[in-house]
Amino acid sequence: MQMLFRRDDNVNIGDMAVTSGLGGVYPKDIPIGTIVQIELDQSGLLKTAYIKPLTDFDSLEEVYVVKTTGG
C-alpha cells in the first residue's frame, strides 16, 4: 500500500498511518499500518510513503464495526 505526500510533510519511517475522518466514510484515527519506506519522486515535489498494513486484507472474511455514541 502506498500514499503520496508533499515533500514538506512530516512523514517518517516507523510512523503509524491512520484514517483522517475526512469525507465521513471512516471515523478518525483508525490505525491502517506502519510506514516502512519513503521515496522522493523525480520532480522532488512529492514523496511516496510505502505502508505495511496492520492486517492481511486478502484473508479478511468478516469485519465487525463498533459505533460509539457521543463525542
C-alpha atoms as a PDB file:
ATOM      1  CA  MET A   1       0.000   0.000   0.000  1.00  0.00           C
ATOM      2  CA  GLN A   2       1.299   3.490  -0.740  1.00  0.00           C
ATOM      3  CA  MET A   3       0.321   7.112  -0.126  1.00  0.00           C
ATOM      4  CA  LEU A   4       1.528  10.368  -1.684  1.00  0.00           C
ATOM      5  CA  PHE A   5       2.629  13.311   0.460  1.00  0.00           C
ATOM      6  CA  ARG A   6       4.060  16.764  -0.200  1.00  0.00           C
ATOM      7  CA  ARG A   7       7.811  16.930   0.214  1.00  0.00           C
ATOM      8  CA  ASP A   8       7.483  19.168   3.296  1.00  0.00           C
ATOM      9  CA  ASP A   9       5.003  16.900   5.107  1.00  0.00           C
ATOM     10  CA  ASN A  10       6.437  15.448   8.303  1.00  0.00           C
ATOM     11  CA  VAL A  11       6.279  11.733   7.471  1.00  0.00           C
ATOM     12  CA  ASN A  12       8.890   9.314   8.772  1.00  0.00           C
ATOM     13  CA  ILE A  13       9.675   5.611   8.620  1.00  0.00           C
ATOM     14  CA  GLY A  14       8.027   3.923  11.591  1.00  0.00           C
ATOM     15  CA  ASP A  15       5.110   6.387  11.744  1.00  0.00           C
ATOM     16  CA  MET A  16       1.610   4.933  12.052  1.00  0.00           C
ATOM     17  CA  ALA A  17      -0.802   5.736   9.211  1.00  0.00           C
ATOM     18  CA  VAL A  18      -4.354   6.334  10.448  1.00  0.00           C
ATOM     19  CA  THR A  19      -7.654   7.349   8.860  1.00  0.00           C
ATOM     20  CA  SER A  20      -8.307  11.096   8.706  1.00  0.00           C
ATOM     21  CA  GLY A  21     -12.050  11.061   9.206  1.00  0.00           C
ATOM     22  CA  LEU A  22     -12.473  13.422   6.250  1.00  0.00           C
ATOM     23  CA  GLY A  23     -15.381  12.622   3.970  1.00  0.00           C
ATOM     24  CA  GLY A  24     -17.374  10.958   6.722  1.00  0.00           C
ATOM     25  CA  VAL A  25     -16.805   7.413   5.444  1.00  0.00           C
ATOM     26  CA  TYR A  26     -14.451   6.185   8.184  1.00  0.00           C
ATOM     27  CA  PRO A  27     -14.002   7.551  11.709  1.00  0.00           C
ATOM     28  CA  LYS A  28     -10.827   9.474  12.532  1.00  0.00           C
ATOM     29  CA  ASP A  29      -7.680   7.770  13.917  1.00  0.00           C
ATOM     30  CA  ILE A  30      -8.292   4.142  12.908  1.00  0.00           C
ATOM     31  CA  PRO A  31      -4.801   2.563  12.502  1.00  0.00           C
ATOM     32  CA  ILE A  32      -4.070   1.354   8.965  1.00  0.00           C
ATOM     33  CA  GLY A  33      -0.407   0.399   9.018  1.00  0.00           C
ATOM     34  CA  THR A  34       3.203   1.444   9.559  1.00  0.00           C
ATOM     35  CA  ILE A  35       5.355   3.442   7.126  1.00  0.00           C
ATOM     36  CA  VAL A  36       8.277   1.241   6.090  1.00  0.00           C
ATOM     37  CA  GLN A  37       9.842   3.204   3.202  1.00  0.00           C
ATOM     38  CA  ILE A  38       9.780   6.741   1.786  1.00  0.00           C
ATOM     39  CA  GLU A  39      10.924   7.840  -1.692  1.00  0.00           C
ATOM     40  CA  LEU A  40      11.000  11.266  -3.363  1.00  0.00           C
ATOM     41  CA  ASP A  41       9.517  11.471  -6.857  1.00  0.00           C
ATOM     42  CA  GLN A  42      11.625  12.652  -9.819  1.00  0.00           C
ATOM     43  CA  SER A  43      10.361  16.237  -9.547  1.00  0.00           C
ATOM     44  CA  GLY A  44      11.293  16.409  -5.866  1.00  0.00           C
ATOM     45  CA  LEU A  45       7.872  17.877  -5.011  1.00  0.00           C
ATOM     46  CA  LEU A  46       6.170  14.743  -3.707  1.00  0.00           C
ATOM     47  CA  LYS A  47       7.183  11.727  -1.720  1.00  0.00           C
ATOM     48  CA  THR A  48       5.680   8.274  -1.655  1.00  0.00           C
ATOM     49  CA  ALA A  49       5.290   6.506   1.668  1.00  0.00           C
ATOM     50  CA  TYR A  50       5.036   2.725   1.486  1.00  0.00           C
ATOM     51  CA  ILE A  51       2.836   1.322   4.225  1.00  0.00           C
ATOM     52  CA  LYS A  52       2.834  -2.168   5.704  1.00  0.00           C
ATOM     53  CA  PRO A  53      -0.837  -2.834   6.552  1.00  0.00           C
ATOM     54  CA  LEU A  54      -1.696  -3.987  10.060  1.00  0.00           C
ATOM     55  CA  THR A  55      -3.801  -6.777   8.585  1.00  0.00           C
ATOM     56  CA  ASP A  56      -3.675  -9.115   5.615  1.00  0.00           C
ATOM     57  CA  PHE A  57      -6.634  -7.769   3.632  1.00  0.00           C
ATOM     58  CA  ASP A  58      -6.701 -10.867   1.411  1.00  0.00           C
ATOM     59  CA  SER A  59      -7.506 -13.063   4.411  1.00  0.00           C
ATOM     60  CA  LEU A  60     -10.394 -10.985   5.803  1.00  0.00           C
ATOM     61  CA  GLU A  61     -13.718 -12.785   5.815  1.00  0.00           C
ATOM     62  CA  GLU A  62     -15.733 -10.643   8.189  1.00  0.00           C
ATOM     63  CA  VAL A  63     -15.444  -7.191   9.686  1.00  0.00           C
ATOM     64  CA  TYR A  64     -17.106  -6.079  12.908  1.00  0.00           C
ATOM     65  CA  VAL A  65     -17.800  -2.347  13.192  1.00  0.00           C
ATOM     66  CA  VAL A  66     -18.344  -0.779  16.601  1.00  0.00           C
ATOM     67  CA  LYS A  67     -20.123   2.564  16.666  1.00  0.00           C
ATOM     68  CA  THR A  68     -19.959   4.611  19.829  1.00  0.00           C
ATOM     69  CA  THR A  69     -22.258   7.456  20.757  1.00  0.00           C
ATOM     70  CA  GLY A  70     -21.147  10.880  21.855  1.00  0.00           C
ATOM     71  CA  GLY A  71     -18.024  12.882  21.085  1.00  0.00           C
END
